[in-house]
Amino acid sequence: MPRTGKAELVRLAFRILAAVDAELLTRHELADRFGVSPQIVGRQIRFLRDWMGVRMKTVTGYGYEVADWGILDREKFLMWVADTDREPVKAAKN
């Protein structure tokens, strides 16, 4: 896997957050979706928790869900992701 810079890792963390907001996803599903290892997904979730105050709750057998957005404004964040994402996060399944 090519070396990833800090900006790309922050972007990945934000894409993970947007994906988890749309649907419950496990660490392995997130890893498959974004083409990274489950360990990197875990590190990005830890970054969101430690630096942004985001709390994610694990729903056993189903995946993560956002319990608290911390310092981020959910509506503005999701609008920003939609405007800047070159590879849109898949929409929630209905």
PDB file of N, CA and C in Angstrom:
ATOM      1  N   MET A   1       0.848  -1.164   0.000  1.00  0.00           N
ATOM      2  CA  MET A   1       0.000   0.000   0.000  1.00  0.00           C
ATOM      3  C   MET A   1       0.897   1.232   0.000  1.00  0.00           C
ATOM      4  N   PRO A   2       0.575   2.252  -0.828  1.00  0.00           N
ATOM      5  CA  PRO A   2       1.409   3.450  -0.858  1.00  0.00           C
ATOM      6  C   PRO A   2       1.344   4.199   0.469  1.00  0.00           C
ATOM      7  N   ARG A   3       2.389   4.947   0.745  1.00  0.00           N
ATOM      8  CA  ARG A   3       2.441   5.736   1.971  1.00  0.00           C
ATOM      9  C   ARG A   3       1.361   6.815   1.930  1.00  0.00           C
ATOM     10  N   THR A   4       0.706   7.001   3.055  1.00  0.00           N
ATOM     11  CA  THR A   4      -0.392   7.957   3.134  1.00  0.00           C
ATOM     12  C   THR A   4       0.010   9.113   4.033  1.00  0.00           C
ATOM     13  N   GLY A   5      -0.201  10.341   3.546  1.00  0.00           N
ATOM     14  CA  GLY A   5       0.120  11.525   4.328  1.00  0.00           C
ATOM     15  C   GLY A   5      -0.959  11.826   5.354  1.00  0.00           C
ATOM     16  N   LYS A   6      -0.635  12.761   6.245  1.00  0.00           N
ATOM     17  CA  LYS A   6      -1.560  13.114   7.319  1.00  0.00           C
ATOM     18  C   LYS A   6      -2.879  13.657   6.784  1.00  0.00           C
ATOM     19  N   ALA A   7      -2.820  14.471   5.747  1.00  0.00           N
ATOM     20  CA  ALA A   7      -4.053  15.040   5.192  1.00  0.00           C
ATOM     21  C   ALA A   7      -4.971  13.938   4.670  1.00  0.00           C
ATOM     22  N   GLU A   8      -4.390  12.934   4.028  1.00  0.00           N
ATOM     23  CA  GLU A   8      -5.196  11.827   3.512  1.00  0.00           C
ATOM     24  C   GLU A   8      -5.814  11.017   4.644  1.00  0.00           C
ATOM     25  N   LEU A   9      -5.070  10.873   5.746  1.00  0.00           N
ATOM     26  CA  LEU A   9      -5.605  10.124   6.888  1.00  0.00           C
ATOM     27  C   LEU A   9      -6.740  10.889   7.571  1.00  0.00           C
ATOM     28  N   VAL A  10      -6.622  12.198   7.664  1.00  0.00           N
ATOM     29  CA  VAL A  10      -7.714  13.003   8.225  1.00  0.00           C
ATOM     30  C   VAL A  10      -8.933  12.905   7.315  1.00  0.00           C
ATOM     31  N   ARG A  11      -8.715  12.992   6.017  1.00  0.00           N
ATOM     32  CA  ARG A  11      -9.816  12.862   5.054  1.00  0.00           C
ATOM     33  C   ARG A  11     -10.487  11.492   5.201  1.00  0.00           C
ATOM     34  N   LEU A  12      -9.689  10.443   5.368  1.00  0.00           N
ATOM     35  CA  LEU A  12     -10.231   9.103   5.575  1.00  0.00           C
ATOM     36  C   LEU A  12     -11.077   9.060   6.841  1.00  0.00           C
ATOM     37  N   ALA A  13     -10.594   9.662   7.908  1.00  0.00           N
ATOM     38  CA  ALA A  13     -11.360   9.691   9.161  1.00  0.00           C
ATOM     39  C   ALA A  13     -12.713  10.355   8.929  1.00  0.00           C
ATOM     40  N   PHE A  14     -12.724  11.460   8.188  1.00  0.00           N
ATOM     41  CA  PHE A  14     -13.976  12.162   7.920  1.00  0.00           C
ATOM     42  C   PHE A  14     -14.901  11.327   7.033  1.00  0.00           C
ATOM     43  N   ARG A  15     -14.339  10.600   6.072  1.00  0.00           N
ATOM     44  CA  ARG A  15     -15.158   9.737   5.220  1.00  0.00           C
ATOM     45  C   ARG A  15     -15.745   8.577   6.035  1.00  0.00           C
ATOM     46  N   ILE A  16     -14.967   8.042   6.968  1.00  0.00           N
ATOM     47  CA  ILE A  16     -15.466   6.981   7.856  1.00  0.00           C
ATOM     48  C   ILE A  16     -16.625   7.517   8.677  1.00  0.00           C
ATOM     49  N   LEU A  17     -16.481   8.709   9.227  1.00  0.00           N
ATOM     50  CA  LEU A  17     -17.542   9.311  10.023  1.00  0.00           C
ATOM     51  C   LEU A  17     -18.810   9.502   9.196  1.00  0.00           C
ATOM     52  N   ALA A  18     -18.683   9.989   7.973  1.00  0.00           N
ATOM     53  CA  ALA A  18     -19.849  10.176   7.105  1.00  0.00           C
ATOM     54  C   ALA A  18     -20.507   8.837   6.768  1.00  0.00           C
ATOM     55  N   ALA A  19     -19.703   7.800   6.533  1.00  0.00           N
ATOM     56  CA  ALA A  19     -20.246   6.481   6.210  1.00  0.00           C
ATOM     57  C   ALA A  19     -21.003   5.895   7.393  1.00  0.00           C
ATOM     58  N   VAL A  20     -20.431   6.038   8.596  1.00  0.00           N
ATOM     59  CA  VAL A  20     -21.078   5.496   9.794  1.00  0.00           C
ATOM     60  C   VAL A  20     -22.360   6.267  10.113  1.00  0.00           C
ATOM     61  N   ASP A  21     -22.389   7.545   9.778  1.00  0.00           N
ATOM     62  CA  ASP A  21     -23.617   8.317   9.968  1.00  0.00           C
ATOM     63  C   ASP A  21     -24.731   7.799   9.061  1.00  0.00           C
ATOM     64  N   ALA A  22     -24.379   7.335   7.873  1.00  0.00           N
ATOM     65  CA  ALA A  22     -25.379   6.876   6.897  1.00  0.00           C
ATOM     66  C   ALA A  22     -25.910   5.482   7.205  1.00  0.00           C
ATOM     67  N   GLU A  23     -25.060   4.621   7.763  1.00  0.00           N
ATOM     68  CA  GLU A  23     -25.487   3.247   8.054  1.00  0.00           C
ATOM     69  C   GLU A  23     -24.540   2.601   9.054  1.00  0.00           C
ATOM     70  N   LEU A  24     -25.022   1.572   9.730  1.00  0.00           N
ATOM     71  CA  LEU A  24     -24.174   0.816  10.652  1.00  0.00           C
ATOM     72  C   LEU A  24     -23.188  -0.012   9.841  1.00  0.00           C
ATOM     73  N   LEU A  25     -21.904   0.173  10.116  1.00  0.00           N
ATOM     74  CA  LEU A  25     -20.875  -0.579   9.421  1.00  0.00           C
ATOM     75  C   LEU A  25     -19.849  -1.075  10.425  1.00  0.00           C
ATOM     76  N   THR A  26     -19.381  -2.306  10.233  1.00  0.00           N
ATOM     77  CA  THR A  26     -18.335  -2.852  11.099  1.00  0.00           C
ATOM     78  C   THR A  26     -16.978  -2.321  10.640  1.00  0.00           C
ATOM     79  N   ARG A  27     -15.981  -2.544  11.460  1.00  0.00           N
ATOM     80  CA  ARG A  27     -14.620  -2.122  11.116  1.00  0.00           C
ATOM     81  C   ARG A  27     -14.163  -2.787   9.818  1.00  0.00           C
ATOM     82  N   HIS A  28     -14.505  -4.057   9.636  1.00  0.00           N
ATOM     83  CA  HIS A  28     -14.094  -4.771   8.424  1.00  0.00           C
ATOM     84  C   HIS A  28     -14.844  -4.257   7.195  1.00  0.00           C
ATOM     85  N   GLU A  29     -16.116  -3.930   7.339  1.00  0.00           N
ATOM     86  CA  GLU A  29     -16.869  -3.362   6.216  1.00  0.00           C
ATOM     87  C   GLU A  29     -16.303  -2.001   5.823  1.00  0.00           C
ATOM     88  N   LEU A  30     -15.942  -1.190   6.817  1.00  0.00           N
ATOM     89  CA  LEU A  30     -15.326   0.105   6.529  1.00  0.00           C
ATOM     90  C   LEU A  30     -13.982  -0.083   5.838  1.00  0.00           C
ATOM     91  N   ALA A  31     -13.197  -1.045   6.301  1.00  0.00           N
ATOM     92  CA  ALA A  31     -11.898  -1.324   5.688  1.00  0.00           C
ATOM     93  C   ALA A  31     -12.064  -1.721   4.225  1.00  0.00           C
ATOM     94  N   ASP A  32     -13.022  -2.593   3.946  1.00  0.00           N
ATOM     95  CA  ASP A  32     -13.286  -3.018   2.566  1.00  0.00           C
ATOM     96  C   ASP A  32     -13.742  -1.851   1.705  1.00  0.00           C
ATOM     97  N   ARG A  33     -14.616  -1.029   2.244  1.00  0.00           N
ATOM     98  CA  ARG A  33     -15.171   0.102   1.488  1.00  0.00           C
ATOM     99  C   ARG A  33     -14.082   1.096   1.084  1.00  0.00           C
ATOM    100  N   PHE A  34     -13.135   1.342   1.989  1.00  0.00           N
ATOM    101  CA  PHE A  34     -12.136   2.374   1.729  1.00  0.00           C
ATOM    102  C   PHE A  34     -10.773   1.831   1.329  1.00  0.00           C
ATOM    103  N   GLY A  35     -10.661   0.503   1.243  1.00  0.00           N
ATOM    104  CA  GLY A  35      -9.426  -0.105   0.763  1.00  0.00           C
ATOM    105  C   GLY A  35      -8.242   0.049   1.705  1.00  0.00           C
ATOM    106  N   VAL A  36      -8.520  -0.017   2.998  1.00  0.00           N
ATOM    107  CA  VAL A  36      -7.469   0.066   4.016  1.00  0.00           C
ATOM    108  C   VAL A  36      -7.636  -1.110   4.971  1.00  0.00           C
ATOM    109  N   SER A  37      -6.692  -1.262   5.886  1.00  0.00           N
ATOM    110  CA  SER A  37      -6.795  -2.354   6.847  1.00  0.00           C
ATOM    111  C   SER A  37      -7.742  -1.974   7.990  1.00  0.00           C
ATOM    112  N   PRO A  38      -8.317  -2.980   8.670  1.00  0.00           N
ATOM    113  CA  PRO A  38      -9.157  -2.692   9.835  1.00  0.00           C
ATOM    114  C   PRO A  38      -8.406  -1.922  10.930  1.00  0.00           C
ATOM    115  N   GLN A  39      -7.093  -2.124  11.019  1.00  0.00           N
ATOM    116  CA  GLN A  39      -6.303  -1.401  12.016  1.00  0.00           C
ATOM    117  C   GLN A  39      -6.285   0.098  11.716  1.00  0.00           C
ATOM    118  N   ILE A  40      -6.189   0.459  10.453  1.00  0.00           N
ATOM    119  CA  ILE A  40      -6.211   1.878  10.077  1.00  0.00           C
ATOM    120  C   ILE A  40      -7.570   2.477  10.381  1.00  0.00           C
ATOM    121  N   VAL A  41      -8.637   1.723  10.141  1.00  0.00           N
ATOM    122  CA  VAL A  41      -9.976   2.197  10.493  1.00  0.00           C
ATOM    123  C   VAL A  41     -10.041   2.476  11.989  1.00  0.00           C
ATOM    124  N   GLY A  42      -9.520   1.559  12.793  1.00  0.00           N
ATOM    125  CA  GLY A  42      -9.516   1.749  14.239  1.00  0.00           C
ATOM    126  C   GLY A  42      -8.737   2.985  14.659  1.00  0.00           C
ATOM    127  N   ARG A  43      -7.606   3.224  14.008  1.00  0.00           N
ATOM    128  CA  ARG A  43      -6.802   4.417  14.322  1.00  0.00           C
ATOM    129  C   ARG A  43      -7.547   5.694  13.968  1.00  0.00           C
ATOM    130  N   GLN A  44      -8.267   5.671  12.856  1.00  0.00           N
ATOM    131  CA  GLN A  44      -9.007   6.865  12.437  1.00  0.00           C
ATOM    132  C   GLN A  44     -10.177   7.135  13.392  1.00  0.00           C
ATOM    133  N   ILE A  45     -10.820   6.084  13.860  1.00  0.00           N
ATOM    134  CA  ILE A  45     -11.904   6.248  14.836  1.00  0.00           C
ATOM    135  C   ILE A  45     -11.323   6.803  16.145  1.00  0.00           C
ATOM    136  N   ARG A  46     -10.152   6.333  16.527  1.00  0.00           N
ATOM    137  CA  ARG A  46      -9.497   6.861  17.723  1.00  0.00           C
ATOM    138  C   ARG A  46      -9.139   8.342  17.534  1.00  0.00           C
ATOM    139  N   PHE A  47      -8.672   8.726  16.339  1.00  0.00           N
ATOM    140  CA  PHE A  47      -8.387  10.127  16.036  1.00  0.00           C
ATOM    141  C   PHE A  47      -9.647  10.981  16.204  1.00  0.00           C
ATOM    142  N   LEU A  48     -10.756  10.500  15.644  1.00  0.00           N
ATOM    143  CA  LEU A  48     -12.018  11.241  15.761  1.00  0.00           C
ATOM    144  C   LEU A  48     -12.416  11.406  17.222  1.00  0.00           C
ATOM    145  N   ARG A  49     -12.222  10.371  18.008  1.00  0.00           N
ATOM    146  CA  ARG A  49     -12.561  10.422  19.431  1.00  0.00           C
ATOM    147  C   ARG A  49     -11.637  11.373  20.188  1.00  0.00           C
ATOM    148  N   ASP A  50     -10.338  11.205  20.002  1.00  0.00           N
ATOM    149  CA  ASP A  50      -9.356  11.958  20.778  1.00  0.00           C
ATOM    150  C   ASP A  50      -9.267  13.431  20.387  1.00  0.00           C
ATOM    151  N   TRP A  51      -9.337  13.740  19.105  1.00  0.00           N
ATOM    152  CA  TRP A  51      -9.106  15.104  18.636  1.00  0.00           C
ATOM    153  C   TRP A  51     -10.383  15.867  18.311  1.00  0.00           C
ATOM    154  N   MET A  52     -11.459  15.171  17.985  1.00  0.00           N
ATOM    155  CA  MET A  52     -12.700  15.852  17.611  1.00  0.00           C
ATOM    156  C   MET A  52     -13.809  15.658  18.639  1.00  0.00           C
ATOM    157  N   GLY A  53     -13.578  14.802  19.614  1.00  0.00           N
ATOM    158  CA  GLY A  53     -14.589  14.556  20.641  1.00  0.00           C
ATOM    159  C   GLY A  53     -15.761  13.720  20.174  1.00  0.00           C
ATOM    160  N   VAL A  54     -15.613  13.079  19.008  1.00  0.00           N
ATOM    161  CA  VAL A  54     -16.683  12.243  18.454  1.00  0.00           C
ATOM    162  C   VAL A  54     -16.755  10.948  19.243  1.00  0.00           C
ATOM    163  N   ARG A  55     -17.959  10.558  19.631  1.00  0.00           N
ATOM    164  CA  ARG A  55     -18.140   9.270  20.298  1.00  0.00           C
ATOM    165  C   ARG A  55     -18.895   8.340  19.359  1.00  0.00           C
ATOM    166  N   MET A  56     -18.331   7.167  19.138  1.00  0.00           N
ATOM    167  CA  MET A  56     -19.007   6.145  18.340  1.00  0.00           C
ATOM    168  C   MET A  56     -19.340   4.986  19.252  1.00  0.00           C
ATOM    169  N   LYS A  57     -20.556   4.533  19.132  1.00  0.00           N
ATOM    170  CA  LYS A  57     -21.035   3.407  19.921  1.00  0.00           C
ATOM    171  C   LYS A  57     -20.980   2.161  19.045  1.00  0.00           C
ATOM    172  N   THR A  58     -20.519   1.063  19.626  1.00  0.00           N
ATOM    173  CA  THR A  58     -20.501  -0.200  18.897  1.00  0.00           C
ATOM    174  C   THR A  58     -21.793  -0.942  19.178  1.00  0.00           C
ATOM    175  N   VAL A  59     -22.501  -1.274  18.111  1.00  0.00           N
ATOM    176  CA  VAL A  59     -23.718  -2.063  18.219  1.00  0.00           C
ATOM    177  C   VAL A  59     -23.310  -3.489  17.870  1.00  0.00           C
ATOM    178  N   THR A  60     -23.217  -4.338  18.868  1.00  0.00           N
ATOM    179  CA  THR A  60     -22.693  -5.689  18.708  1.00  0.00           C
ATOM    180  C   THR A  60     -23.357  -6.412  17.545  1.00  0.00           C
ATOM    181  N   GLY A  61     -22.532  -6.914  16.640  1.00  0.00           N
ATOM    182  CA  GLY A  61     -23.011  -7.666  15.495  1.00  0.00           C
ATOM    183  C   GLY A  61     -23.444  -6.812  14.318  1.00  0.00           C
ATOM    184  N   TYR A  62     -23.522  -5.492  14.504  1.00  0.00           N
ATOM    185  CA  TYR A  62     -24.002  -4.626  13.426  1.00  0.00           C
ATOM    186  C   TYR A  62     -22.991  -3.573  13.009  1.00  0.00           C
ATOM    187  N   GLY A  63     -22.213  -3.048  13.931  1.00  0.00           N
ATOM    188  CA  GLY A  63     -21.208  -2.057  13.576  1.00  0.00           C
ATOM    189  C   GLY A  63     -21.268  -0.831  14.453  1.00  0.00           C
ATOM    190  N   TYR A  64     -20.710   0.242  13.937  1.00  0.00           N
ATOM    191  CA  TYR A  64     -20.614   1.492  14.676  1.00  0.00           C
ATOM    192  C   TYR A  64     -21.796   2.401  14.367  1.00  0.00           C
ATOM    193  N   GLU A  65     -22.135   3.251  15.346  1.00  0.00           N
ATOM    194  CA  GLU A  65     -23.058   4.351  15.100  1.00  0.00           C
ATOM    195  C   GLU A  65     -22.523   5.567  15.854  1.00  0.00           C
ATOM    196  N   VAL A  66     -22.820   6.748  15.329  1.00  0.00           N
ATOM    197  CA  VAL A  66     -22.345   7.981  15.946  1.00  0.00           C
ATOM    198  C   VAL A  66     -23.248   8.300  17.136  1.00  0.00           C
ATOM    199  N   ALA A  67     -22.632   8.377  18.322  1.00  0.00           N
ATOM    200  CA  ALA A  67     -23.384   8.687  19.539  1.00  0.00           C
ATOM    201  C   ALA A  67     -23.311  10.171  19.873  1.00  0.00           C
ATOM    202  N   ASP A  68     -22.194  10.833  19.509  1.00  0.00           N
ATOM    203  CA  ASP A  68     -22.005  12.251  19.804  1.00  0.00           C
ATOM    204  C   ASP A  68     -21.024  12.816  18.782  1.00  0.00           C
ATOM    205  N   TRP A  69     -21.366  13.952  18.195  1.00  0.00           N
ATOM    206  CA  TRP A  69     -20.550  14.566  17.151  1.00  0.00           C
ATOM    207  C   TRP A  69     -19.413  15.413  17.703  1.00  0.00           C
ATOM    208  N   GLY A  70     -19.276  15.501  19.007  1.00  0.00           N
ATOM    209  CA  GLY A  70     -18.163  16.250  19.591  1.00  0.00           C
ATOM    210  C   GLY A  70     -18.170  17.703  19.149  1.00  0.00           C
ATOM    211  N   ILE A  71     -17.022  18.181  18.659  1.00  0.00           N
ATOM    212  CA  ILE A  71     -16.910  19.586  18.260  1.00  0.00           C
ATOM    213  C   ILE A  71     -17.440  19.846  16.861  1.00  0.00           C
ATOM    214  N   LEU A  72     -17.827  18.804  16.145  1.00  0.00           N
ATOM    215  CA  LEU A  72     -18.297  18.956  14.765  1.00  0.00           C
ATOM    216  C   LEU A  72     -19.801  19.229  14.714  1.00  0.00           C
ATOM    217  N   ASP A  73     -20.197  20.096  13.811  1.00  0.00           N
ATOM    218  CA  ASP A  73     -21.603  20.361  13.531  1.00  0.00           C
ATOM    219  C   ASP A  73     -22.031  19.376  12.445  1.00  0.00           C
ATOM    220  N   ARG A  74     -22.912  18.451  12.773  1.00  0.00           N
ATOM    221  CA  ARG A  74     -23.277  17.364  11.868  1.00  0.00           C
ATOM    222  C   ARG A  74     -23.749  17.867  10.502  1.00  0.00           C
ATOM    223  N   GLU A  75     -24.684  18.805  10.476  1.00  0.00           N
ATOM    224  CA  GLU A  75     -25.236  19.278   9.201  1.00  0.00           C
ATOM    225  C   GLU A  75     -24.174  19.933   8.330  1.00  0.00           C
ATOM    226  N   LYS A  76     -23.381  20.821   8.918  1.00  0.00           N
ATOM    227  CA  LYS A  76     -22.329  21.492   8.144  1.00  0.00           C
ATOM    228  C   LYS A  76     -21.265  20.498   7.689  1.00  0.00           C
ATOM    229  N   PHE A  77     -20.927  19.547   8.562  1.00  0.00           N
ATOM    230  CA  PHE A  77     -19.933  18.543   8.214  1.00  0.00           C
ATOM    231  C   PHE A  77     -20.394  17.716   7.013  1.00  0.00           C
ATOM    232  N   LEU A  78     -21.625  17.224   7.052  1.00  0.00           N
ATOM    233  CA  LEU A  78     -22.116  16.383   5.955  1.00  0.00           C
ATOM    234  C   LEU A  78     -22.243  17.175   4.659  1.00  0.00           C
ATOM    235  N   MET A  79     -22.587  18.459   4.741  1.00  0.00           N
ATOM    236  CA  MET A  79     -22.630  19.298   3.535  1.00  0.00           C
ATOM    237  C   MET A  79     -21.214  19.475   2.984  1.00  0.00           C
ATOM    238  N   TRP A  80     -20.238  19.675   3.867  1.00  0.00           N
ATOM    239  CA  TRP A  80     -18.853  19.819   3.441  1.00  0.00           C
ATOM    240  C   TRP A  80     -18.358  18.540   2.770  1.00  0.00           C
ATOM    241  N   VAL A  81     -18.665  17.393   3.360  1.00  0.00           N
ATOM    242  CA  VAL A  81     -18.254  16.120   2.766  1.00  0.00           C
ATOM    243  C   VAL A  81     -18.872  15.959   1.380  1.00  0.00           C
ATOM    244  N   ALA A  82     -20.145  16.272   1.249  1.00  0.00           N
ATOM    245  CA  ALA A  82     -20.826  16.145  -0.045  1.00  0.00           C
ATOM    246  C   ALA A  82     -20.202  17.066  -1.093  1.00  0.00           C
ATOM    247  N   ASP A  83     -19.783  18.247  -0.685  1.00  0.00           N
ATOM    248  CA  ASP A  83     -19.202  19.217  -1.620  1.00  0.00           C
ATOM    249  C   ASP A  83     -17.768  18.896  -2.002  1.00  0.00           C
ATOM    250  N   THR A  84     -17.024  18.222  -1.131  1.00  0.00           N
ATOM    251  CA  THR A  84     -15.593  18.038  -1.359  1.00  0.00           C
ATOM    252  C   THR A  84     -15.180  16.612  -1.676  1.00  0.00           C
ATOM    253  N   ASP A  85     -16.040  15.661  -1.480  1.00  0.00           N
ATOM    254  CA  ASP A  85     -15.651  14.260  -1.653  1.00  0.00           C
ATOM    255  C   ASP A  85     -15.589  13.900  -3.130  1.00  0.00           C
ATOM    256  N   ARG A  86     -14.420  13.448  -3.562  1.00  0.00           N
ATOM    257  CA  ARG A  86     -14.259  13.008  -4.949  1.00  0.00           C
ATOM    258  C   ARG A  86     -14.860  11.624  -5.163  1.00  0.00           C
ATOM    259  N   GLU A  87     -14.905  10.839  -4.096  1.00  0.00           N
ATOM    260  CA  GLU A  87     -15.496   9.511  -4.148  1.00  0.00           C
ATOM    261  C   GLU A  87     -16.592   9.474  -3.084  1.00  0.00           C
ATOM    262  N   PRO A  88     -17.845   9.754  -3.485  1.00  0.00           N
ATOM    263  CA  PRO A  88     -18.904   9.858  -2.493  1.00  0.00           C
ATOM    264  C   PRO A  88     -19.067   8.595  -1.660  1.00  0.00           C
ATOM    265  N   VAL A  89     -19.388   8.809  -0.401  1.00  0.00           N
ATOM    266  CA  VAL A  89     -19.702   7.695   0.494  1.00  0.00           C
ATOM    267  C   VAL A  89     -21.052   7.141   0.078  1.00  0.00           C
ATOM    268  N   LYS A  90     -21.179   5.825   0.062  1.00  0.00           N
ATOM    269  CA  LYS A  90     -22.437   5.208  -0.336  1.00  0.00           C
ATOM    270  C   LYS A  90     -23.569   5.654   0.572  1.00  0.00           C
ATOM    271  N   ALA A  91     -24.713   5.922  -0.015  1.00  0.00           N
ATOM    272  CA  ALA A  91     -25.879   6.356   0.766  1.00  0.00           C
ATOM    273  C   ALA A  91     -26.421   5.192   1.582  1.00  0.00           C
ATOM    274  N   ALA A  92     -27.146   5.541   2.613  1.00  0.00           N
ATOM    275  CA  ALA A  92     -27.744   4.528   3.473  1.00  0.00           C
ATOM    276  C   ALA A  92     -28.720   3.674   2.683  1.00  0.00           C
ATOM    277  N   LYS A  93     -28.793   2.410   3.059  1.00  0.00           N
ATOM    278  CA  LYS A  93     -29.736   1.503   2.411  1.00  0.00           C
ATOM    279  C   LYS A  93     -31.122   1.746   2.986  1.00  0.00           C
ATOM    280  N   ASN A  94     -32.108   1.809   2.126  1.00  0.00           N
ATOM    281  CA  ASN A  94     -33.481   2.018   2.587  1.00  0.00           C
ATOM    282  C   ASN A  94     -34.242   0.720   2.645  1.00  0.00           C
TER     283      ASN A  94
END
